[in-house]
Amino acid sequence: MSLERVTITIPSDILDAAKAASEREGLSVSAWLSRAAERAAKIEAGLAAAEEAMAHLDPPTPEEQAWVDAVMDDAIHPARSDDCSRGAA
């Protein structure tokens, strides 16, 4: 793998957060940012592939969409037990 030197401009608070994260993980800022960029590129490639695949499918039925919405809602807002929601340990 070849390496290239680049100059980037990012907000100071983002750089501070990257420096702190790289230090916690024992990486150089350059290595940490490189890994973060690689992860972001993979996510974007996956989203592009999903978008292309979805273009070949019929839109979901109302029932299918309701199911997807329910699954996503559960993933974003997992149900809490009664004890947890009352603050019991």
PDB file of N, CA and C in Angstrom:
ATOM      1  N   MET A   1       0.853  -1.175   0.000  1.00  0.00           N
ATOM      2  CA  MET A   1       0.000   0.000   0.000  1.00  0.00           C
ATOM      3  C   MET A   1       0.896   1.233   0.000  1.00  0.00           C
ATOM      4  N   SER A   2       0.633   2.103  -0.916  1.00  0.00           N
ATOM      5  CA  SER A   2       1.400   3.345  -0.959  1.00  0.00           C
ATOM      6  C   SER A   2       0.697   4.405  -0.116  1.00  0.00           C
ATOM      7  N   LEU A   3       1.466   5.297   0.409  1.00  0.00           N
ATOM      8  CA  LEU A   3       0.931   6.384   1.220  1.00  0.00           C
ATOM      9  C   LEU A   3       1.144   7.697   0.487  1.00  0.00           C
ATOM     10  N   GLU A   4       0.211   8.599   0.670  1.00  0.00           N
ATOM     11  CA  GLU A   4       0.326   9.930   0.078  1.00  0.00           C
ATOM     12  C   GLU A   4       0.110  10.974   1.149  1.00  0.00           C
ATOM     13  N   ARG A   5       0.851  12.033   1.074  1.00  0.00           N
ATOM     14  CA  ARG A   5       0.688  13.146   1.999  1.00  0.00           C
ATOM     15  C   ARG A   5      -0.347  14.099   1.413  1.00  0.00           C
ATOM     16  N   VAL A   6      -1.324  14.498   2.240  1.00  0.00           N
ATOM     17  CA  VAL A   6      -2.351  15.442   1.805  1.00  0.00           C
ATOM     18  C   VAL A   6      -2.507  16.519   2.867  1.00  0.00           C
ATOM     19  N   THR A   7      -3.029  17.629   2.453  1.00  0.00           N
ATOM     20  CA  THR A   7      -3.358  18.707   3.378  1.00  0.00           C
ATOM     21  C   THR A   7      -4.871  18.804   3.439  1.00  0.00           C
ATOM     22  N   ILE A   8      -5.398  18.787   4.650  1.00  0.00           N
ATOM     23  CA  ILE A   8      -6.842  18.909   4.827  1.00  0.00           C
ATOM     24  C   ILE A   8      -7.139  20.048   5.790  1.00  0.00           C
ATOM     25  N   THR A   9      -8.335  20.556   5.709  1.00  0.00           N
ATOM     26  CA  THR A   9      -8.797  21.587   6.628  1.00  0.00           C
ATOM     27  C   THR A   9     -10.061  21.065   7.300  1.00  0.00           C
ATOM     28  N   ILE A  10     -10.024  20.989   8.631  1.00  0.00           N
ATOM     29  CA  ILE A  10     -11.191  20.538   9.389  1.00  0.00           C
ATOM     30  C   ILE A  10     -11.396  21.475  10.578  1.00  0.00           C
ATOM     31  N   PRO A  11     -12.608  21.545  11.088  1.00  0.00           N
ATOM     32  CA  PRO A  11     -12.870  22.406  12.244  1.00  0.00           C
ATOM     33  C   PRO A  11     -11.999  22.008  13.448  1.00  0.00           C
ATOM     34  N   SER A  12     -11.600  22.991  14.216  1.00  0.00           N
ATOM     35  CA  SER A  12     -10.725  22.764  15.364  1.00  0.00           C
ATOM     36  C   SER A  12     -11.300  21.763  16.351  1.00  0.00           C
ATOM     37  N   ASP A  13     -12.614  21.836  16.602  1.00  0.00           N
ATOM     38  CA  ASP A  13     -13.199  20.918  17.578  1.00  0.00           C
ATOM     39  C   ASP A  13     -13.176  19.479  17.076  1.00  0.00           C
ATOM     40  N   ILE A  14     -13.307  19.280  15.779  1.00  0.00           N
ATOM     41  CA  ILE A  14     -13.220  17.934  15.208  1.00  0.00           C
ATOM     42  C   ILE A  14     -11.786  17.417  15.314  1.00  0.00           C
ATOM     43  N   LEU A  15     -10.823  18.273  15.032  1.00  0.00           N
ATOM     44  CA  LEU A  15      -9.426  17.875  15.169  1.00  0.00           C
ATOM     45  C   LEU A  15      -9.106  17.523  16.613  1.00  0.00           C
ATOM     46  N   ASP A  16      -9.586  18.320  17.553  1.00  0.00           N
ATOM     47  CA  ASP A  16      -9.356  18.025  18.975  1.00  0.00           C
ATOM     48  C   ASP A  16      -9.938  16.666  19.343  1.00  0.00           C
ATOM     49  N   ALA A  17     -11.143  16.375  18.858  1.00  0.00           N
ATOM     50  CA  ALA A  17     -11.780  15.086  19.145  1.00  0.00           C
ATOM     51  C   ALA A  17     -10.991  13.941  18.510  1.00  0.00           C
ATOM     52  N   ALA A  18     -10.501  14.145  17.297  1.00  0.00           N
ATOM     53  CA  ALA A  18      -9.705  13.120  16.615  1.00  0.00           C
ATOM     54  C   ALA A  18      -8.395  12.872  17.359  1.00  0.00           C
ATOM     55  N   LYS A  19      -7.763  13.932  17.830  1.00  0.00           N
ATOM     56  CA  LYS A  19      -6.523  13.784  18.591  1.00  0.00           C
ATOM     57  C   LYS A  19      -6.765  12.999  19.871  1.00  0.00           C
ATOM     58  N   ALA A  20      -7.848  13.332  20.581  1.00  0.00           N
ATOM     59  CA  ALA A  20      -8.159  12.623  21.822  1.00  0.00           C
ATOM     60  C   ALA A  20      -8.466  11.151  21.551  1.00  0.00           C
ATOM     61  N   ALA A  21      -9.247  10.886  20.510  1.00  0.00           N
ATOM     62  CA  ALA A  21      -9.596   9.504  20.180  1.00  0.00           C
ATOM     63  C   ALA A  21      -8.367   8.717  19.757  1.00  0.00           C
ATOM     64  N   SER A  22      -7.512   9.331  18.947  1.00  0.00           N
ATOM     65  CA  SER A  22      -6.311   8.619  18.490  1.00  0.00           C
ATOM     66  C   SER A  22      -5.388   8.315  19.660  1.00  0.00           C
ATOM     67  N   GLU A  23      -5.304   9.236  20.605  1.00  0.00           N
ATOM     68  CA  GLU A  23      -4.471   9.011  21.785  1.00  0.00           C
ATOM     69  C   GLU A  23      -5.027   7.861  22.624  1.00  0.00           C
ATOM     70  N   ARG A  24      -6.344   7.835  22.820  1.00  0.00           N
ATOM     71  CA  ARG A  24      -6.968   6.744  23.585  1.00  0.00           C
ATOM     72  C   ARG A  24      -6.695   5.383  22.947  1.00  0.00           C
ATOM     73  N   GLU A  25      -6.647   5.357  21.625  1.00  0.00           N
ATOM     74  CA  GLU A  25      -6.468   4.095  20.911  1.00  0.00           C
ATOM     75  C   GLU A  25      -5.008   3.789  20.596  1.00  0.00           C
ATOM     76  N   GLY A  26      -4.110   4.678  20.996  1.00  0.00           N
ATOM     77  CA  GLY A  26      -2.688   4.447  20.770  1.00  0.00           C
ATOM     78  C   GLY A  26      -2.288   4.534  19.313  1.00  0.00           C
ATOM     79  N   LEU A  27      -2.992   5.377  18.555  1.00  0.00           N
ATOM     80  CA  LEU A  27      -2.699   5.566  17.133  1.00  0.00           C
ATOM     81  C   LEU A  27      -2.240   6.992  16.900  1.00  0.00           C
ATOM     82  N   SER A  28      -1.528   7.178  15.810  1.00  0.00           N
ATOM     83  CA  SER A  28      -1.228   8.543  15.404  1.00  0.00           C
ATOM     84  C   SER A  28      -2.524   9.164  14.883  1.00  0.00           C
ATOM     85  N   VAL A  29      -2.586  10.477  14.869  1.00  0.00           N
ATOM     86  CA  VAL A  29      -3.766  11.146  14.317  1.00  0.00           C
ATOM     87  C   VAL A  29      -3.931  10.750  12.855  1.00  0.00           C
ATOM     88  N   SER A  30      -2.832  10.649  12.137  1.00  0.00           N
ATOM     89  CA  SER A  30      -2.884  10.267  10.736  1.00  0.00           C
ATOM     90  C   SER A  30      -3.488   8.871  10.567  1.00  0.00           C
ATOM     91  N   ALA A  31      -3.051   7.919  11.372  1.00  0.00           N
ATOM     92  CA  ALA A  31      -3.580   6.550  11.281  1.00  0.00           C
ATOM     93  C   ALA A  31      -5.048   6.518  11.671  1.00  0.00           C
ATOM     94  N   TRP A  32      -5.406   7.279  12.704  1.00  0.00           N
ATOM     95  CA  TRP A  32      -6.801   7.290  13.156  1.00  0.00           C
ATOM     96  C   TRP A  32      -7.702   7.887  12.081  1.00  0.00           C
ATOM     97  N   LEU A  33      -7.287   9.013  11.498  1.00  0.00           N
ATOM     98  CA  LEU A  33      -8.079   9.638  10.439  1.00  0.00           C
ATOM     99  C   LEU A  33      -8.153   8.756   9.196  1.00  0.00           C
ATOM    100  N   SER A  34      -7.060   8.060   8.880  1.00  0.00           N
ATOM    101  CA  SER A  34      -7.060   7.158   7.737  1.00  0.00           C
ATOM    102  C   SER A  34      -8.075   6.042   7.949  1.00  0.00           C
ATOM    103  N   ARG A  35      -8.092   5.466   9.155  1.00  0.00           N
ATOM    104  CA  ARG A  35      -9.055   4.407   9.465  1.00  0.00           C
ATOM    105  C   ARG A  35     -10.482   4.945   9.420  1.00  0.00           C
ATOM    106  N   ALA A  36     -10.698   6.146   9.950  1.00  0.00           N
ATOM    107  CA  ALA A  36     -12.032   6.744   9.925  1.00  0.00           C
ATOM    108  C   ALA A  36     -12.491   6.991   8.484  1.00  0.00           C
ATOM    109  N   ALA A  37     -11.584   7.457   7.640  1.00  0.00           N
ATOM    110  CA  ALA A  37     -11.925   7.693   6.240  1.00  0.00           C
ATOM    111  C   ALA A  37     -12.238   6.376   5.535  1.00  0.00           C
ATOM    112  N   GLU A  38     -11.481   5.333   5.839  1.00  0.00           N
ATOM    113  CA  GLU A  38     -11.744   4.023   5.236  1.00  0.00           C
ATOM    114  C   GLU A  38     -13.127   3.515   5.629  1.00  0.00           C
ATOM    115  N   ARG A  39     -13.454   3.637   6.908  1.00  0.00           N
ATOM    116  CA  ARG A  39     -14.785   3.211   7.379  1.00  0.00           C
ATOM    117  C   ARG A  39     -15.893   4.012   6.704  1.00  0.00           C
ATOM    118  N   ALA A  40     -15.711   5.320   6.617  1.00  0.00           N
ATOM    119  CA  ALA A  40     -16.726   6.173   5.989  1.00  0.00           C
ATOM    120  C   ALA A  40     -16.888   5.812   4.521  1.00  0.00           C
ATOM    121  N   ALA A  41     -15.791   5.536   3.831  1.00  0.00           N
ATOM    122  CA  ALA A  41     -15.859   5.162   2.416  1.00  0.00           C
ATOM    123  C   ALA A  41     -16.602   3.842   2.237  1.00  0.00           C
ATOM    124  N   LYS A  42     -16.388   2.894   3.141  1.00  0.00           N
ATOM    125  CA  LYS A  42     -17.099   1.610   3.069  1.00  0.00           C
ATOM    126  C   LYS A  42     -18.594   1.801   3.302  1.00  0.00           C
ATOM    127  N   ILE A  43     -18.940   2.648   4.252  1.00  0.00           N
ATOM    128  CA  ILE A  43     -20.353   2.928   4.512  1.00  0.00           C
ATOM    129  C   ILE A  43     -20.990   3.556   3.283  1.00  0.00           C
ATOM    130  N   GLU A  44     -20.336   4.534   2.693  1.00  0.00           N
ATOM    131  CA  GLU A  44     -20.870   5.196   1.507  1.00  0.00           C
ATOM    132  C   GLU A  44     -21.020   4.217   0.346  1.00  0.00           C
ATOM    133  N   ALA A  45     -20.049   3.324   0.172  1.00  0.00           N
ATOM    134  CA  ALA A  45     -20.138   2.327  -0.897  1.00  0.00           C
ATOM    135  C   ALA A  45     -21.312   1.384  -0.649  1.00  0.00           C
ATOM    136  N   GLY A  46     -21.512   1.006   0.603  1.00  0.00           N
ATOM    137  CA  GLY A  46     -22.645   0.144   0.944  1.00  0.00           C
ATOM    138  C   GLY A  46     -23.973   0.833   0.705  1.00  0.00           C
ATOM    139  N   LEU A  47     -24.056   2.091   1.075  1.00  0.00           N
ATOM    140  CA  LEU A  47     -25.287   2.845   0.839  1.00  0.00           C
ATOM    141  C   LEU A  47     -25.568   2.991  -0.652  1.00  0.00           C
ATOM    142  N   ALA A  48     -24.525   3.230  -1.445  1.00  0.00           N
ATOM    143  CA  ALA A  48     -24.699   3.352  -2.898  1.00  0.00           C
ATOM    144  C   ALA A  48     -25.161   2.021  -3.490  1.00  0.00           C
ATOM    145  N   ALA A  49     -24.586   0.916  -3.016  1.00  0.00           N
ATOM    146  CA  ALA A  49     -24.993  -0.405  -3.512  1.00  0.00           C
ATOM    147  C   ALA A  49     -26.434  -0.699  -3.123  1.00  0.00           C
ATOM    148  N   ALA A  50     -26.814  -0.355  -1.912  1.00  0.00           N
ATOM    149  CA  ALA A  50     -28.195  -0.581  -1.470  1.00  0.00           C
ATOM    150  C   ALA A  50     -29.158   0.260  -2.286  1.00  0.00           C
ATOM    151  N   GLU A  51     -28.788   1.501  -2.545  1.00  0.00           N
ATOM    152  CA  GLU A  51     -29.644   2.379  -3.348  1.00  0.00           C
ATOM    153  C   GLU A  51     -29.828   1.814  -4.754  1.00  0.00           C
ATOM    154  N   GLU A  52     -28.751   1.306  -5.332  1.00  0.00           N
ATOM    155  CA  GLU A  52     -28.855   0.719  -6.667  1.00  0.00           C
ATOM    156  C   GLU A  52     -29.733  -0.532  -6.648  1.00  0.00           C
ATOM    157  N   ALA A  53     -29.568  -1.363  -5.626  1.00  0.00           N
ATOM    158  CA  ALA A  53     -30.389  -2.573  -5.524  1.00  0.00           C
ATOM    159  C   ALA A  53     -31.854  -2.214  -5.340  1.00  0.00           C
ATOM    160  N   MET A  54     -32.124  -1.198  -4.529  1.00  0.00           N
ATOM    161  CA  MET A  54     -33.507  -0.790  -4.276  1.00  0.00           C
ATOM    162  C   MET A  54     -34.174  -0.251  -5.536  1.00  0.00           C
ATOM    163  N   ALA A  55     -33.391   0.284  -6.450  1.00  0.00           N
ATOM    164  CA  ALA A  55     -33.945   0.822  -7.691  1.00  0.00           C
ATOM    165  C   ALA A  55     -34.561  -0.273  -8.560  1.00  0.00           C
ATOM    166  N   HIS A  56     -34.171  -1.518  -8.313  1.00  0.00           N
ATOM    167  CA  HIS A  56     -34.670  -2.646  -9.099  1.00  0.00           C
ATOM    168  C   HIS A  56     -35.835  -3.361  -8.421  1.00  0.00           C
ATOM    169  N   LEU A  57     -36.274  -2.863  -7.287  1.00  0.00           N
ATOM    170  CA  LEU A  57     -37.357  -3.496  -6.539  1.00  0.00           C
ATOM    171  C   LEU A  57     -38.612  -2.644  -6.586  1.00  0.00           C
ATOM    172  N   ASP A  58     -39.734  -3.305  -6.456  1.00  0.00           N
ATOM    173  CA  ASP A  58     -40.992  -2.571  -6.324  1.00  0.00           C
ATOM    174  C   ASP A  58     -41.021  -1.897  -4.963  1.00  0.00           C
ATOM    175  N   PRO A  59     -41.743  -0.799  -4.830  1.00  0.00           N
ATOM    176  CA  PRO A  59     -41.852  -0.161  -3.523  1.00  0.00           C
ATOM    177  C   PRO A  59     -42.554  -1.111  -2.543  1.00  0.00           C
ATOM    178  N   PRO A  60     -42.258  -0.978  -1.258  1.00  0.00           N
ATOM    179  CA  PRO A  60     -42.894  -1.866  -0.285  1.00  0.00           C
ATOM    180  C   PRO A  60     -44.397  -1.602  -0.195  1.00  0.00           C
ATOM    181  N   THR A  61     -45.118  -2.659   0.159  1.00  0.00           N
ATOM    182  CA  THR A  61     -46.545  -2.491   0.417  1.00  0.00           C
ATOM    183  C   THR A  61     -46.688  -1.726   1.728  1.00  0.00           C
ATOM    184  N   PRO A  62     -47.866  -1.179   2.009  1.00  0.00           N
ATOM    185  CA  PRO A  62     -48.052  -0.500   3.294  1.00  0.00           C
ATOM    186  C   PRO A  62     -47.751  -1.416   4.485  1.00  0.00           C
ATOM    187  N   GLU A  63     -48.096  -2.691   4.366  1.00  0.00           N
ATOM    188  CA  GLU A  63     -47.822  -3.635   5.461  1.00  0.00           C
ATOM    189  C   GLU A  63     -46.318  -3.855   5.631  1.00  0.00           C
ATOM    190  N   GLU A  64     -45.605  -3.999   4.505  1.00  0.00           N
ATOM    191  CA  GLU A  64     -44.159  -4.173   4.577  1.00  0.00           C
ATOM    192  C   GLU A  64     -43.491  -2.933   5.157  1.00  0.00           C
ATOM    193  N   GLN A  65     -43.951  -1.765   4.745  1.00  0.00           N
ATOM    194  CA  GLN A  65     -43.372  -0.522   5.256  1.00  0.00           C
ATOM    195  C   GLN A  65     -43.636  -0.374   6.745  1.00  0.00           C
ATOM    196  N   ALA A  66     -44.832  -0.770   7.197  1.00  0.00           N
ATOM    197  CA  ALA A  66     -45.154  -0.710   8.628  1.00  0.00           C
ATOM    198  C   ALA A  66     -44.226  -1.621   9.415  1.00  0.00           C
ATOM    199  N   TRP A  67     -43.929  -2.812   8.853  1.00  0.00           N
ATOM    200  CA  TRP A  67     -43.024  -3.740   9.521  1.00  0.00           C
ATOM    201  C   TRP A  67     -41.623  -3.130   9.620  1.00  0.00           C
ATOM    202  N   VAL A  68     -41.130  -2.558   8.523  1.00  0.00           N
ATOM    203  CA  VAL A  68     -39.806  -1.929   8.530  1.00  0.00           C
ATOM    204  C   VAL A  68     -39.773  -0.792   9.543  1.00  0.00           C
ATOM    205  N   ASP A  69     -40.812   0.029   9.549  1.00  0.00           N
ATOM    206  CA  ASP A  69     -40.866   1.147  10.500  1.00  0.00           C
ATOM    207  C   ASP A  69     -40.823   0.640  11.936  1.00  0.00           C
ATOM    208  N   ALA A  70     -41.544  -0.446  12.222  1.00  0.00           N
ATOM    209  CA  ALA A  70     -41.564  -1.002  13.579  1.00  0.00           C
ATOM    210  C   ALA A  70     -40.195  -1.549  13.967  1.00  0.00           C
ATOM    211  N   VAL A  71     -39.532  -2.242  13.042  1.00  0.00           N
ATOM    212  CA  VAL A  71     -38.200  -2.783  13.326  1.00  0.00           C
ATOM    213  C   VAL A  71     -37.222  -1.647  13.592  1.00  0.00           C
ATOM    214  N   MET A  72     -37.267  -0.614  12.752  1.00  0.00           N
ATOM    215  CA  MET A  72     -36.359   0.516  12.936  1.00  0.00           C
ATOM    216  C   MET A  72     -36.641   1.247  14.244  1.00  0.00           C
ATOM    217  N   ASP A  73     -37.915   1.407  14.580  1.00  0.00           N
ATOM    218  CA  ASP A  73     -38.274   2.062  15.838  1.00  0.00           C
ATOM    219  C   ASP A  73     -37.739   1.268  17.030  1.00  0.00           C
ATOM    220  N   ASP A  74     -37.866  -0.066  16.965  1.00  0.00           N
ATOM    221  CA  ASP A  74     -37.339  -0.912  18.043  1.00  0.00           C
ATOM    222  C   ASP A  74     -35.820  -0.807  18.129  1.00  0.00           C
ATOM    223  N   ALA A  75     -35.155  -0.705  16.975  1.00  0.00           N
ATOM    224  CA  ALA A  75     -33.698  -0.607  16.972  1.00  0.00           C
ATOM    225  C   ALA A  75     -33.230   0.726  17.547  1.00  0.00           C
ATOM    226  N   ILE A  76     -33.969   1.780  17.236  1.00  0.00           N
ATOM    227  CA  ILE A  76     -33.577   3.112  17.691  1.00  0.00           C
ATOM    228  C   ILE A  76     -34.000   3.358  19.136  1.00  0.00           C
ATOM    229  N   HIS A  77     -35.166   2.827  19.504  1.00  0.00           N
ATOM    230  CA  HIS A  77     -35.708   3.027  20.846  1.00  0.00           C
ATOM    231  C   HIS A  77     -36.045   1.666  21.459  1.00  0.00           C
ATOM    232  N   PRO A  78     -35.028   0.914  21.904  1.00  0.00           N
ATOM    233  CA  PRO A  78     -35.313  -0.417  22.445  1.00  0.00           C
ATOM    234  C   PRO A  78     -36.237  -0.329  23.656  1.00  0.00           C
ATOM    235  N   ALA A  79     -37.097  -1.323  23.783  1.00  0.00           N
ATOM    236  CA  ALA A  79     -38.022  -1.367  24.914  1.00  0.00           C
ATOM    237  C   ALA A  79     -37.234  -1.497  26.202  1.00  0.00           C
ATOM    238  N   ARG A  80     -37.687  -0.795  27.202  1.00  0.00           N
ATOM    239  CA  ARG A  80     -37.042  -0.871  28.513  1.00  0.00           C
ATOM    240  C   ARG A  80     -37.942  -1.656  29.445  1.00  0.00           C
ATOM    241  N   SER A  81     -37.313  -2.418  30.326  1.00  0.00           N
ATOM    242  CA  SER A  81     -38.117  -3.147  31.310  1.00  0.00           C
ATOM    243  C   SER A  81     -38.708  -2.144  32.281  1.00  0.00           C
ATOM    244  N   ASP A  82     -39.757  -2.544  32.975  1.00  0.00           N
ATOM    245  CA  ASP A  82     -40.396  -1.634  33.947  1.00  0.00           C
ATOM    246  C   ASP A  82     -39.426  -1.195  35.012  1.00  0.00           C
ATOM    247  N   ASP A  83     -38.531  -2.121  35.450  1.00  0.00           N
ATOM    248  CA  ASP A  83     -37.563  -1.761  36.492  1.00  0.00           C
ATOM    249  C   ASP A  83     -36.598  -0.690  35.986  1.00  0.00           C
ATOM    250  N   CYS A  84     -36.123  -0.829  34.773  1.00  0.00           N
ATOM    251  CA  CYS A  84     -35.161   0.143  34.234  1.00  0.00           C
ATOM    252  C   CYS A  84     -35.814   1.504  34.034  1.00  0.00           C
ATOM    253  N   SER A  85     -37.072   1.508  33.581  1.00  0.00           N
ATOM    254  CA  SER A  85     -37.704   2.793  33.303  1.00  0.00           C
ATOM    255  C   SER A  85     -38.054   3.532  34.583  1.00  0.00           C
ATOM    256  N   ARG A  86     -38.136   2.813  35.704  1.00  0.00           N
ATOM    257  CA  ARG A  86     -38.392   3.489  36.984  1.00  0.00           C
ATOM    258  C   ARG A  86     -37.113   3.838  37.723  1.00  0.00           C
ATOM    259  N   GLY A  87     -35.970   3.484  37.149  1.00  0.00           N
ATOM    260  CA  GLY A  87     -34.709   3.814  37.781  1.00  0.00           C
ATOM    261  C   GLY A  87     -34.269   2.817  38.829  1.00  0.00           C
ATOM    262  N   ALA A  88     -34.911   1.661  38.921  1.00  0.00           N
ATOM    263  CA  ALA A  88     -34.517   0.645  39.895  1.00  0.00           C
ATOM    264  C   ALA A  88     -33.253  -0.037  39.419  1.00  0.00           C
ATOM    265  N   ALA A  89     -32.457  -0.484  40.354  1.00  0.00           N
ATOM    266  CA  ALA A  89     -31.215  -1.166  39.989  1.00  0.00           C
ATOM    267  C   ALA A  89     -31.372  -2.656  40.022  1.00  0.00           C
TER     268      ALA A  89
END
